[in-house]
C-alpha atoms as a PDB file:
ATOM      1  CA  MET A   1       6.760 -46.508  63.517  1.00  0.00           C
ATOM      2  CA  LEU A   2       9.954 -46.049  61.556  1.00  0.00           C
ATOM      3  CA  LEU A   3       8.681 -48.327  58.766  1.00  0.00           C
ATOM      4  CA  ALA A   4       5.424 -46.377  58.510  1.00  0.00           C
ATOM      5  CA  TYR A   5       7.404 -43.128  58.294  1.00  0.00           C
ATOM      6  CA  PHE A   6       9.463 -44.400  55.345  1.00  0.00           C
ATOM      7  CA  ARG A   7       6.318 -45.637  53.600  1.00  0.00           C
ATOM      8  CA  ARG A   8       4.733 -42.162  53.902  1.00  0.00           C
ATOM      9  CA  LEU A   9       7.974 -40.581  52.679  1.00  0.00           C
ATOM     10  CA  ARG A  10       8.102 -42.868  49.637  1.00  0.00           C
ATOM     11  CA  LEU A  11       4.452 -42.141  48.838  1.00  0.00           C
ATOM     12  CA  HIS A  12       5.125 -38.394  49.084  1.00  0.00           C
ATOM     13  CA  PHE A  13       8.206 -38.721  46.840  1.00  0.00           C
ATOM     14  CA  VAL A  14       6.308 -40.678  44.148  1.00  0.00           C
ATOM     15  CA  SER A  15       3.424 -38.220  44.268  1.00  0.00           C
ATOM     16  CA  THR A  16       5.793 -35.296  43.852  1.00  0.00           C
ATOM     17  CA  ILE A  17       7.410 -36.888  40.804  1.00  0.00           C
ATOM     18  CA  PHE A  18       4.007 -37.605  39.246  1.00  0.00           C
ATOM     19  CA  ILE A  19       2.794 -34.043  39.794  1.00  0.00           C
ATOM     20  CA  THR A  20       6.048 -32.612  38.388  1.00  0.00           C
ATOM     21  CA  VAL A  21       5.856 -34.774  35.255  1.00  0.00           C
ATOM     22  CA  PHE A  22       2.180 -33.913  34.811  1.00  0.00           C
ATOM     23  CA  VAL A  23       2.873 -30.188  35.094  1.00  0.00           C
ATOM     24  CA  LEU A  24       5.778 -30.369  32.654  1.00  0.00           C
ATOM     25  CA  PHE A  25       3.760 -32.392  30.143  1.00  0.00           C
ATOM     26  CA  SER A  26       0.801 -30.047  30.485  1.00  0.00           C
ATOM     27  CA  SER A  27       3.081 -27.032  29.952  1.00  0.00           C
ATOM     28  CA  VAL A  28       4.557 -28.521  26.773  1.00  0.00           C
ATOM     29  CA  SER A  29       1.108 -29.443  25.484  1.00  0.00           C
ATOM     30  CA  PHE A  30      -0.240 -26.002  26.329  1.00  0.00           C
ATOM     31  CA  SER A  31       2.739 -24.335  24.631  1.00  0.00           C
ATOM     32  CA  GLN A  32       2.269 -26.339  21.439  1.00  0.00           C
ATOM     33  CA  ASN A  33      -1.479 -25.744  21.344  1.00  0.00           C
ATOM     34  CA  THR A  34      -1.132 -21.983  21.790  1.00  0.00           C
ATOM     35  CA  TYR A  35       1.703 -21.391  19.287  1.00  0.00           C
ATOM     36  CA  PRO A  36       2.250 -18.670  18.329  1.00  0.00           C
ATOM     37  CA  SER A  37       1.731 -16.701  21.519  1.00  0.00           C
ATOM     38  CA  LYS A  38       3.785 -13.611  20.603  1.00  0.00           C
ATOM     39  CA  SER A  39       4.877 -11.620  17.554  1.00  0.00           C
ATOM     40  CA  ILE A  40       6.668 -13.361  14.701  1.00  0.00           C
ATOM     41  CA  THR A  41       9.384 -11.798  12.558  1.00  0.00           C
ATOM     42  CA  PHE A  42       9.906 -12.420   8.840  1.00  0.00           C
ATOM     43  CA  ILE A  43      13.424 -11.352   7.864  1.00  0.00           C
ATOM     44  CA  VAL A  44      13.667 -10.348   4.200  1.00  0.00           C
ATOM     45  CA  PRO A  45      17.311 -10.011   3.038  1.00  0.00           C
ATOM     46  CA  TYR A  46      16.260  -7.757   0.136  1.00  0.00           C
ATOM     47  CA  THR A  47      14.890  -4.235  -0.296  1.00  0.00           C
ATOM     48  CA  THR A  48      11.338  -3.089   0.346  1.00  0.00           C
ATOM     49  CA  GLY A  49       9.238  -3.662  -2.765  1.00  0.00           C
ATOM     50  CA  SER A  50      11.206  -6.689  -3.951  1.00  0.00           C
ATOM     51  CA  THR A  51       9.217  -9.807  -4.795  1.00  0.00           C
ATOM     52  CA  ALA A  52      10.319 -11.573  -1.608  1.00  0.00           C
ATOM     53  CA  ASP A  53       9.249  -8.513   0.387  1.00  0.00           C
ATOM     54  CA  LEU A  54       5.813  -8.397  -1.264  1.00  0.00           C
ATOM     55  CA  LEU A  55       5.273 -12.086  -0.555  1.00  0.00           C
ATOM     56  CA  ALA A  56       6.375 -11.701   3.070  1.00  0.00           C
ATOM     57  CA  ARG A  57       4.075  -8.728   3.690  1.00  0.00           C
ATOM     58  CA  ASN A  58       1.013 -10.249   2.048  1.00  0.00           C
ATOM     59  CA  ILE A  59       1.441 -13.646   3.679  1.00  0.00           C
ATOM     60  CA  GLY A  60       2.367 -12.009   6.980  1.00  0.00           C
ATOM     61  CA  ASN A  61      -0.805  -9.903   7.029  1.00  0.00           C
ATOM     62  CA  LYS A  62      -2.987 -12.962   6.577  1.00  0.00           C
ATOM     63  CA  LEU A  63      -1.086 -15.015   9.150  1.00  0.00           C
ATOM     64  CA  SER A  64      -1.431 -12.172  11.648  1.00  0.00           C
ATOM     65  CA  VAL A  65      -5.201 -12.269  11.272  1.00  0.00           C
ATOM     66  CA  LYS A  66      -5.280 -16.057  11.478  1.00  0.00           C
ATOM     67  CA  TRP A  67      -2.986 -16.321  14.501  1.00  0.00           C
ATOM     68  CA  GLY A  68      -4.009 -13.184  16.357  1.00  0.00           C
ATOM     69  CA  VAL A  69      -0.414 -12.002  16.826  1.00  0.00           C
ATOM     70  CA  PRO A  70       1.641  -9.352  14.983  1.00  0.00           C
ATOM     71  CA  VAL A  71       3.807 -10.498  12.081  1.00  0.00           C
ATOM     72  CA  ILE A  72       6.697  -8.096  11.536  1.00  0.00           C
ATOM     73  CA  VAL A  73       8.575  -7.844   8.219  1.00  0.00           C
ATOM     74  CA  ASP A  74      12.193  -6.892   8.852  1.00  0.00           C
ATOM     75  CA  ASN A  75      14.062  -5.851   5.679  1.00  0.00           C
ATOM     76  CA  ARG A  76      17.829  -6.330   5.977  1.00  0.00           C
ATOM     77  CA  PRO A  77      19.254  -5.925   2.463  1.00  0.00           C
ATOM     78  CA  GLY A  78      22.906  -5.885   1.509  1.00  0.00           C
ATOM     79  CA  ALA A  79      25.758  -8.105   0.310  1.00  0.00           C
ATOM     80  CA  ALA A  80      23.489 -10.056  -2.059  1.00  0.00           C
ATOM     81  CA  GLY A  81      21.277 -11.124   0.822  1.00  0.00           C
ATOM     82  CA  VAL A  82      24.072 -12.211   3.167  1.00  0.00           C
ATOM     83  CA  ILE A  83      23.342  -9.611   5.885  1.00  0.00           C
ATOM     84  CA  GLY A  84      19.722 -10.606   6.438  1.00  0.00           C
ATOM     85  CA  THR A  85      20.416 -14.296   5.973  1.00  0.00           C
ATOM     86  CA  GLU A  86      23.124 -14.242   8.641  1.00  0.00           C
ATOM     87  CA  ALA A  87      20.728 -12.555  11.063  1.00  0.00           C
ATOM     88  CA  ALA A  88      18.106 -15.240  10.454  1.00  0.00           C
ATOM     89  CA  SER A  89      20.644 -18.032  10.916  1.00  0.00           C
ATOM     90  CA  LYS A  90      21.563 -16.687  14.360  1.00  0.00           C
ATOM     91  CA  ALA A  91      17.985 -16.251  15.586  1.00  0.00           C
ATOM     92  CA  ALA A  92      16.499 -18.529  18.232  1.00  0.00           C
ATOM     93  CA  ASN A  93      14.958 -21.689  16.801  1.00  0.00           C
ATOM     94  CA  ASP A  94      11.731 -21.298  18.774  1.00  0.00           C
ATOM     95  CA  GLY A  95       9.575 -20.670  15.713  1.00  0.00           C
ATOM     96  CA  TYR A  96       9.330 -16.894  16.029  1.00  0.00           C
ATOM     97  CA  THR A  97      11.821 -15.854  13.325  1.00  0.00           C
ATOM     98  CA  PHE A  98      11.771 -16.934   9.664  1.00  0.00           C
ATOM     99  CA  LEU A  99      13.641 -16.006   6.497  1.00  0.00           C
ATOM    100  CA  PHE A 100      11.825 -15.093   3.258  1.00  0.00           C
ATOM    101  CA  THR A 101      14.529 -15.772   0.699  1.00  0.00           C
ATOM    102  CA  ALA A 102      15.098 -16.419  -2.989  1.00  0.00           C
ATOM    103  CA  THR A 103      17.425 -17.989  -5.558  1.00  0.00           C
ATOM    104  CA  SER A 104      20.479 -16.113  -4.299  1.00  0.00           C
ATOM    105  CA  HIS A 105      20.388 -18.200  -1.114  1.00  0.00           C
ATOM    106  CA  ALA A 106      21.682 -21.110  -3.198  1.00  0.00           C
ATOM    107  CA  SER A 107      23.957 -19.191  -5.576  1.00  0.00           C
ATOM    108  CA  VAL A 108      25.744 -16.816  -3.164  1.00  0.00           C
ATOM    109  CA  PRO A 109      27.702 -19.615  -1.410  1.00  0.00           C
ATOM    110  CA  ALA A 110      29.072 -20.539  -4.835  1.00  0.00           C
ATOM    111  CA  VAL A 111      30.422 -17.111  -5.713  1.00  0.00           C
ATOM    112  CA  LYS A 112      31.586 -16.005  -2.264  1.00  0.00           C
ATOM    113  CA  ALA A 113      34.645 -17.657  -0.797  1.00  0.00           C
ATOM    114  CA  LYS A 114      32.996 -17.743   2.611  1.00  0.00           C
ATOM    115  CA  THR A 115      29.599 -16.923   4.109  1.00  0.00           C
ATOM    116  CA  PRO A 116      28.922 -16.490   7.838  1.00  0.00           C
ATOM    117  CA  TYR A 117      26.371 -19.313   7.760  1.00  0.00           C
ATOM    118  CA  ASP A 118      25.820 -22.756   6.240  1.00  0.00           C
ATOM    119  CA  ALA A 119      23.212 -22.255   3.503  1.00  0.00           C
ATOM    120  CA  MET A 120      22.009 -25.856   3.771  1.00  0.00           C
ATOM    121  CA  ASN A 121      22.593 -27.177   7.276  1.00  0.00           C
ATOM    122  CA  GLY A 122      22.243 -23.821   9.028  1.00  0.00           C
ATOM    123  CA  PHE A 123      18.519 -23.585   8.240  1.00  0.00           C
ATOM    124  CA  THR A 124      15.240 -25.462   8.569  1.00  0.00           C
ATOM    125  CA  PRO A 125      13.319 -25.680   5.264  1.00  0.00           C
ATOM    126  CA  ILE A 126       9.699 -24.536   5.690  1.00  0.00           C
ATOM    127  CA  ILE A 127       8.082 -24.119   2.264  1.00  0.00           C
ATOM    128  CA  LEU A 128       8.898 -23.420  -1.385  1.00  0.00           C
ATOM    129  CA  LEU A 129       6.398 -20.688  -2.213  1.00  0.00           C
ATOM    130  CA  CYS A 130       6.634 -20.154  -5.959  1.00  0.00           C
ATOM    131  CA  ASN A 131       8.961 -19.728  -8.896  1.00  0.00           C
ATOM    132  CA  SER A 132       9.377 -17.500 -11.935  1.00  0.00           C
ATOM    133  CA  ALA A 133      10.498 -18.571 -15.387  1.00  0.00           C
ATOM    134  CA  MET A 134      13.532 -17.207 -17.191  1.00  0.00           C
ATOM    135  CA  GLY A 135      14.184 -17.185 -20.906  1.00  0.00           C
ATOM    136  CA  LEU A 136      17.040 -16.887 -23.387  1.00  0.00           C
ATOM    137  CA  VAL A 137      16.466 -13.683 -25.372  1.00  0.00           C
ATOM    138  CA  ILE A 138      18.312 -12.181 -28.317  1.00  0.00           C
ATOM    139  CA  ASN A 139      18.312  -9.040 -30.431  1.00  0.00           C
ATOM    140  CA  PRO A 140      15.477  -9.574 -32.953  1.00  0.00           C
ATOM    141  CA  ASN A 141      17.674  -8.486 -35.861  1.00  0.00           C
ATOM    142  CA  LEU A 142      19.705 -11.672 -35.506  1.00  0.00           C
ATOM    143  CA  PRO A 143      18.729 -14.333 -38.063  1.00  0.00           C
ATOM    144  CA  PHE A 144      17.720 -17.019 -35.538  1.00  0.00           C
ATOM    145  CA  GLN A 145      14.164 -18.221 -35.058  1.00  0.00           C
ATOM    146  CA  LYS A 146      15.064 -21.339 -33.045  1.00  0.00           C
ATOM    147  CA  TYR A 147      17.395 -22.010 -30.158  1.00  0.00           C
ATOM    148  CA  SER A 148      19.168 -24.752 -32.140  1.00  0.00           C
ATOM    149  CA  GLU A 149      20.136 -22.206 -34.814  1.00  0.00           C
ATOM    150  CA  PHE A 150      21.581 -19.859 -32.201  1.00  0.00           C
ATOM    151  CA  GLU A 151      23.565 -22.637 -30.512  1.00  0.00           C
ATOM    152  CA  ALA A 152      24.946 -23.941 -33.810  1.00  0.00           C
ATOM    153  CA  TYR A 153      26.129 -20.480 -34.871  1.00  0.00           C
ATOM    154  CA  VAL A 154      27.782 -19.689 -31.537  1.00  0.00           C
ATOM    155  CA  LYS A 155      29.570 -23.039 -31.529  1.00  0.00           C
ATOM    156  CA  SER A 156      30.915 -22.450 -35.027  1.00  0.00           C
ATOM    157  CA  HIS A 157      31.926 -18.858 -34.238  1.00  0.00           C
ATOM    158  CA  PRO A 158      33.553 -18.960 -30.760  1.00  0.00           C
ATOM    159  CA  ASN A 159      33.376 -15.649 -28.866  1.00  0.00           C
ATOM    160  CA  ALA A 160      31.939 -13.814 -31.862  1.00  0.00           C
ATOM    161  CA  TYR A 161      28.900 -12.945 -29.736  1.00  0.00           C
ATOM    162  CA  SER A 162      28.549 -11.533 -26.226  1.00  0.00           C
ATOM    163  CA  TYR A 163      25.799 -11.838 -23.656  1.00  0.00           C
ATOM    164  CA  ALA A 164      24.646  -9.428 -20.965  1.00  0.00           C
ATOM    165  CA  SER A 165      23.857 -10.096 -17.322  1.00  0.00           C
ATOM    166  CA  PRO A 166      22.781  -7.838 -14.420  1.00  0.00           C
ATOM    167  CA  GLY A 167      26.114  -8.539 -12.725  1.00  0.00           C
ATOM    168  CA  THR A 168      28.806 -11.113 -12.120  1.00  0.00           C
ATOM    169  CA  GLY A 169      27.557 -13.945  -9.939  1.00  0.00           C
ATOM    170  CA  THR A 170      23.861 -13.195 -10.469  1.00  0.00           C
ATOM    171  CA  THR A 171      21.442 -15.994 -11.275  1.00  0.00           C
ATOM    172  CA  GLN A 172      21.214 -14.826 -14.891  1.00  0.00           C
ATOM    173  CA  HIS A 173      25.002 -14.895 -15.253  1.00  0.00           C
ATOM    174  CA  LEU A 174      25.326 -18.354 -13.703  1.00  0.00           C
ATOM    175  CA  ALA A 175      22.423 -19.669 -15.780  1.00  0.00           C
ATOM    176  CA  MET A 176      24.179 -18.707 -19.027  1.00  0.00           C
ATOM    177  CA  GLU A 177      27.458 -20.150 -17.775  1.00  0.00           C
ATOM    178  CA  LEU A 178      25.625 -23.390 -16.996  1.00  0.00           C
ATOM    179  CA  LEU A 179      24.183 -23.410 -20.521  1.00  0.00           C
ATOM    180  CA  LYS A 180      27.652 -22.805 -21.982  1.00  0.00           C
ATOM    181  CA  GLN A 181      29.085 -25.696 -19.991  1.00  0.00           C
ATOM    182  CA  ARG A 182      26.276 -28.058 -21.000  1.00  0.00           C
ATOM    183  CA  THR A 183      26.466 -27.227 -24.720  1.00  0.00           C
ATOM    184  CA  GLY A 184      30.052 -26.185 -25.385  1.00  0.00           C
ATOM    185  CA  MET A 185      29.114 -22.700 -26.595  1.00  0.00           C
ATOM    186  CA  GLU A 186      31.730 -19.965 -26.251  1.00  0.00           C
ATOM    187  CA  ILE A 187      30.182 -16.530 -25.814  1.00  0.00           C
ATOM    188  CA  LEU A 188      31.620 -13.522 -23.970  1.00  0.00           C
ATOM    189  CA  HIS A 189      30.130 -12.201 -20.732  1.00  0.00           C
ATOM    190  CA  VAL A 190      29.380  -8.487 -20.320  1.00  0.00           C
ATOM    191  CA  PRO A 191      28.193  -7.693 -16.766  1.00  0.00           C
ATOM    192  CA  TYR A 192      25.961  -4.682 -16.081  1.00  0.00           C
ATOM    193  CA  LYS A 193      24.793  -3.015 -12.885  1.00  0.00           C
ATOM    194  CA  GLY A 194      21.230  -4.243 -13.125  1.00  0.00           C
ATOM    195  CA  ILE A 195      18.987  -5.782 -15.751  1.00  0.00           C
ATOM    196  CA  SER A 196      17.718  -2.505 -17.278  1.00  0.00           C
ATOM    197  CA  GLY A 197      21.056  -1.565 -18.814  1.00  0.00           C
ATOM    198  CA  ALA A 198      21.557  -5.099 -20.045  1.00  0.00           C
ATOM    199  CA  ILE A 199      18.221  -5.166 -21.865  1.00  0.00           C
ATOM    200  CA  THR A 200      18.797  -1.694 -23.322  1.00  0.00           C
ATOM    201  CA  ASP A 201      22.090  -2.792 -24.866  1.00  0.00           C
ATOM    202  CA  ILE A 202      20.611  -6.003 -26.276  1.00  0.00           C
ATOM    203  CA  ILE A 203      17.911  -3.955 -27.990  1.00  0.00           C
ATOM    204  CA  GLY A 204      20.600  -1.546 -29.223  1.00  0.00           C
ATOM    205  CA  GLY A 205      22.683  -4.410 -30.629  1.00  0.00           C
ATOM    206  CA  HIS A 206      25.721  -3.782 -28.435  1.00  0.00           C
ATOM    207  CA  VAL A 207      25.391  -7.307 -27.016  1.00  0.00           C
ATOM    208  CA  GLN A 208      23.500 -10.125 -28.644  1.00  0.00           C
ATOM    209  CA  ALA A 209      21.814 -12.200 -25.947  1.00  0.00           C
ATOM    210  CA  SER A 210      20.910 -12.634 -22.297  1.00  0.00           C
ATOM    211  CA  ILE A 211      19.035 -14.859 -19.898  1.00  0.00           C
ATOM    212  CA  VAL A 212      16.371 -12.764 -18.164  1.00  0.00           C
ATOM    213  CA  SER A 213      13.239 -13.245 -16.101  1.00  0.00           C
ATOM    214  CA  LEU A 214      10.098 -13.256 -18.215  1.00  0.00           C
ATOM    215  CA  GLN A 215       8.686 -10.590 -15.931  1.00  0.00           C
ATOM    216  CA  ALA A 216      11.555  -8.211 -16.773  1.00  0.00           C
ATOM    217  CA  ALA A 217      11.446  -8.985 -20.494  1.00  0.00           C
ATOM    218  CA  SER A 218       7.691  -9.264 -21.025  1.00  0.00           C
ATOM    219  CA  THR A 219       7.043  -5.742 -22.372  1.00  0.00           C
ATOM    220  CA  TYR A 220       9.995  -5.928 -24.778  1.00  0.00           C
ATOM    221  CA  LEU A 221       8.999  -9.361 -26.009  1.00  0.00           C
ATOM    222  CA  GLN A 222       5.448  -8.256 -26.688  1.00  0.00           C
ATOM    223  CA  SER A 223       6.634  -5.164 -28.565  1.00  0.00           C
ATOM    224  CA  GLY A 224       9.082  -7.172 -30.651  1.00  0.00           C
ATOM    225  CA  GLN A 225      12.165  -5.416 -29.264  1.00  0.00           C
ATOM    226  CA  LEU A 226      13.435  -8.776 -27.996  1.00  0.00           C
ATOM    227  CA  ARG A 227      13.034 -12.303 -29.304  1.00  0.00           C
ATOM    228  CA  MET A 228      12.892 -15.289 -26.969  1.00  0.00           C
ATOM    229  CA  LEU A 229      14.344 -18.593 -28.179  1.00  0.00           C
ATOM    230  CA  ALA A 230      13.794 -20.812 -25.146  1.00  0.00           C
ATOM    231  CA  VAL A 231      12.200 -20.937 -21.709  1.00  0.00           C
ATOM    232  CA  LEU A 232      14.427 -22.383 -18.988  1.00  0.00           C
ATOM    233  CA  SER A 233      11.646 -23.728 -16.747  1.00  0.00           C
ATOM    234  CA  GLU A 234      10.250 -27.253 -16.602  1.00  0.00           C
ATOM    235  CA  ASP A 235       7.106 -26.273 -18.488  1.00  0.00           C
ATOM    236  CA  ARG A 236       6.230 -23.683 -21.087  1.00  0.00           C
ATOM    237  CA  SER A 237       5.223 -20.243 -19.887  1.00  0.00           C
ATOM    238  CA  LYS A 238       1.496 -19.485 -19.847  1.00  0.00           C
ATOM    239  CA  SER A 239       2.353 -15.969 -21.008  1.00  0.00           C
ATOM    240  CA  PHE A 240       4.402 -17.212 -23.990  1.00  0.00           C
ATOM    241  CA  PRO A 241       3.020 -20.686 -24.755  1.00  0.00           C
ATOM    242  CA  SER A 242       4.514 -20.843 -28.264  1.00  0.00           C
ATOM    243  CA  ILE A 243       8.098 -20.747 -26.941  1.00  0.00           C
ATOM    244  CA  PRO A 244       9.473 -24.244 -26.203  1.00  0.00           C
ATOM    245  CA  THR A 245      11.563 -25.038 -23.150  1.00  0.00           C
ATOM    246  CA  LEU A 246      15.253 -25.883 -23.323  1.00  0.00           C
ATOM    247  CA  LYS A 247      14.401 -29.478 -22.453  1.00  0.00           C
ATOM    248  CA  GLN A 248      12.017 -29.646 -25.403  1.00  0.00           C
ATOM    249  CA  GLN A 249      14.902 -28.493 -27.599  1.00  0.00           C
ATOM    250  CA  GLY A 250      17.360 -31.127 -26.433  1.00  0.00           C
ATOM    251  CA  VAL A 251      19.119 -29.391 -23.513  1.00  0.00           C
ATOM    252  CA  ASN A 252      18.219 -31.195 -20.296  1.00  0.00           C
ATOM    253  CA  GLU A 253      18.468 -28.235 -17.954  1.00  0.00           C
ATOM    254  CA  VAL A 254      16.010 -26.252 -15.819  1.00  0.00           C
ATOM    255  CA  VAL A 255      16.757 -22.914 -14.133  1.00  0.00           C
ATOM    256  CA  ASP A 256      14.052 -20.976 -12.306  1.00  0.00           C
ATOM    257  CA  THR A 257      13.990 -17.972 -10.033  1.00  0.00           C
ATOM    258  CA  TRP A 258      12.371 -19.215  -6.822  1.00  0.00           C
ATOM    259  CA  TYR A 259      11.097 -17.873  -3.505  1.00  0.00           C
ATOM    260  CA  GLY A 260      10.857 -19.782  -0.246  1.00  0.00           C
ATOM    261  CA  VAL A 261      10.752 -19.689   3.546  1.00  0.00           C
ATOM    262  CA  LEU A 262      13.443 -21.030   5.867  1.00  0.00           C
ATOM    263  CA  GLY A 263      13.953 -20.900   9.609  1.00  0.00           C
ATOM    264  CA  PRO A 264      16.993 -21.222  11.854  1.00  0.00           C
ATOM    265  CA  ALA A 265      18.359 -24.757  12.217  1.00  0.00           C
ATOM    266  CA  LYS A 266      16.518 -27.374  14.284  1.00  0.00           C
ATOM    267  CA  ILE A 267      13.058 -25.841  14.571  1.00  0.00           C
ATOM    268  CA  SER A 268      10.533 -28.230  16.097  1.00  0.00           C
ATOM    269  CA  PRO A 269       8.857 -30.436  13.423  1.00  0.00           C
ATOM    270  CA  SER A 270       5.437 -29.573  14.893  1.00  0.00           C
ATOM    271  CA  ILE A 271       6.064 -25.863  14.313  1.00  0.00           C
ATOM    272  CA  VAL A 272       7.346 -26.534  10.794  1.00  0.00           C
ATOM    273  CA  ALA A 273       4.204 -28.546  10.026  1.00  0.00           C
ATOM    274  CA  LYS A 274       1.923 -25.802  11.374  1.00  0.00           C
ATOM    275  CA  ILE A 275       3.438 -22.836   9.558  1.00  0.00           C
ATOM    276  CA  ASN A 276       3.803 -24.893   6.362  1.00  0.00           C
ATOM    277  CA  ALA A 277       0.123 -25.865   6.464  1.00  0.00           C
ATOM    278  CA  ASP A 278      -1.062 -22.337   7.233  1.00  0.00           C
ATOM    279  CA  ILE A 279       1.026 -20.745   4.460  1.00  0.00           C
ATOM    280  CA  ASN A 280      -0.193 -23.371   2.002  1.00  0.00           C
ATOM    281  CA  LEU A 281      -3.776 -22.340   2.765  1.00  0.00           C
ATOM    282  CA  ILE A 282      -2.925 -18.660   2.269  1.00  0.00           C
ATOM    283  CA  LEU A 283      -1.250 -19.358  -1.085  1.00  0.00           C
ATOM    284  CA  GLN A 284      -4.599 -20.644  -2.331  1.00  0.00           C
ATOM    285  CA  THR A 285      -6.448 -17.383  -1.589  1.00  0.00           C
ATOM    286  CA  ASN A 286      -7.517 -15.054  -4.379  1.00  0.00           C
ATOM    287  CA  GLU A 287      -5.345 -12.234  -3.039  1.00  0.00           C
ATOM    288  CA  LEU A 288      -2.143 -14.290  -3.208  1.00  0.00           C
ATOM    289  CA  GLN A 289      -3.075 -15.735  -6.589  1.00  0.00           C
ATOM    290  CA  GLU A 290      -3.564 -12.215  -7.964  1.00  0.00           C
ATOM    291  CA  LEU A 291      -0.247 -11.054  -6.488  1.00  0.00           C
ATOM    292  CA  MET A 292       1.624 -13.963  -8.057  1.00  0.00           C
ATOM    293  CA  ASP A 293      -0.048 -13.400 -11.426  1.00  0.00           C
ATOM    294  CA  LYS A 294       1.005  -9.736 -11.402  1.00  0.00           C
ATOM    295  CA  GLN A 295       4.575 -10.701 -10.488  1.00  0.00           C
ATOM    296  CA  GLY A 296       4.761 -13.472 -13.096  1.00  0.00           C
ATOM    297  CA  LEU A 297       5.044 -16.138 -10.409  1.00  0.00           C
ATOM    298  CA  VAL A 298       3.899 -19.748 -10.504  1.00  0.00           C
ATOM    299  CA  LEU A 299       2.564 -21.303  -7.298  1.00  0.00           C
ATOM    300  CA  VAL A 300       4.490 -24.289  -5.937  1.00  0.00           C
ATOM    301  CA  GLY A 301       3.644 -24.828  -2.256  1.00  0.00           C
ATOM    302  CA  GLY A 302       3.534 -28.317  -0.774  1.00  0.00           C
ATOM    303  CA  ASP A 303       5.495 -29.852   2.075  1.00  0.00           C
ATOM    304  CA  SER A 304       8.856 -28.718   3.450  1.00  0.00           C
ATOM    305  CA  ILE A 305      10.655 -31.557   1.646  1.00  0.00           C
ATOM    306  CA  LYS A 306      10.324 -29.651  -1.646  1.00  0.00           C
ATOM    307  CA  MET A 307      12.284 -26.738  -0.200  1.00  0.00           C
ATOM    308  CA  LYS A 308      14.917 -29.057   1.241  1.00  0.00           C
ATOM    309  CA  THR A 309      15.326 -30.971  -2.026  1.00  0.00           C
ATOM    310  CA  LEU A 310      15.689 -27.752  -4.013  1.00  0.00           C
ATOM    311  CA  LEU A 311      18.552 -26.553  -1.811  1.00  0.00           C
ATOM    312  CA  GLN A 312      20.222 -29.967  -1.900  1.00  0.00           C
ATOM    313  CA  ASN A 313      20.211 -29.798  -5.699  1.00  0.00           C
ATOM    314  CA  GLU A 314      20.957 -26.123  -6.333  1.00  0.00           C
ATOM    315  CA  ILE A 315      23.752 -25.345  -3.863  1.00  0.00           C
ATOM    316  CA  PRO A 316      26.176 -27.957  -5.272  1.00  0.00           C
ATOM    317  CA  LYS A 317      25.044 -27.227  -8.854  1.00  0.00           C
ATOM    318  CA  TRP A 318      26.017 -23.560  -8.661  1.00  0.00           C
ATOM    319  CA  LYS A 319      29.267 -24.361  -6.878  1.00  0.00           C
ATOM    320  CA  SER A 320      30.153 -26.692  -9.752  1.00  0.00           C
ATOM    321  CA  VAL A 321      29.284 -24.030 -12.370  1.00  0.00           C
ATOM    322  CA  VAL A 322      31.427 -21.414 -10.627  1.00  0.00           C
ATOM    323  CA  LYS A 323      34.369 -23.780 -10.238  1.00  0.00           C
ATOM    324  CA  LYS A 324      34.282 -24.984 -13.857  1.00  0.00           C
ATOM    325  CA  GLY A 325      33.855 -21.453 -15.181  1.00  0.00           C
ATOM    326  CA  ASN A 326      36.535 -20.020 -12.893  1.00  0.00           C
ATOM    327  CA  ILE A 327      34.081 -17.262 -11.970  1.00  0.00           C
ATOM    328  CA  GLN A 328      35.358 -14.683  -9.526  1.00  0.00           C
ATOM    329  CA  VAL A 329      33.339 -11.948  -7.869  1.00  0.00           C
ATOM    330  CA  GLU A 330      35.192  -8.808  -6.829  1.00  0.00           C
END
């Protein structure tokens, strides 16, 4: 009798374990198959109307329709993107909060002594959305038609020229400092509070050059108020196909403005794969193609490794530029 009792007890115990494991496995499977099951938040660490914001809202609208859940865009600008980025880094890693960010994510850690997050290891790369070319522009009254002529003159006349940027520590500032370090040019930096004032003073001849986004400079280039000597991207710009890249002119350097999506650290690979695949499909739609064309953006897309590789390359690159140039941001 006692032996039979223990046999029934063992059978009951094994059955309980099996049922528990089955329920747990079924719950996990159900959870994965129904993701997302509630609203998703896209944190944008920049102002409403910025390029990152426009991308987040347009992609978010389409994902909301596809997934059947609300996608909320939460703008948290300030401190060069640090405020919103910190909030995203501290969010739960359950796949319901993502960061729509840009080039400053890689450059800010270089110019700030300390950030409240780890720009590389504190995030999960999701997708590199697109990039935008920048170019070296000069006052058209200067006697240079080629980049090589400009570089040769600046090298032979140290600090005779000055260049404008939209502010100390901005991508445009660091890009010119990188170019100076690669070529040995000596040219003075004049920081402005935004790109508009910088372009105005180049046209007026108060400063001689700048590195600017082609989107910001396009109207002035077409009207002849600015002259572009080189494009800093990997390939020539479709808008200005006659202008060679820096690499084509002997300077092996590429600097783009980019936009991408990150999540908090350690998001499930299955969730990363899903949102990456769904955003890739949306990037191919006519609506997103038209938006990127209007903003002067070039589609990148692809797997999450592209985003990871970009950060692995850019974060140490900008830190090196800042250290070598002894750049300090007040």
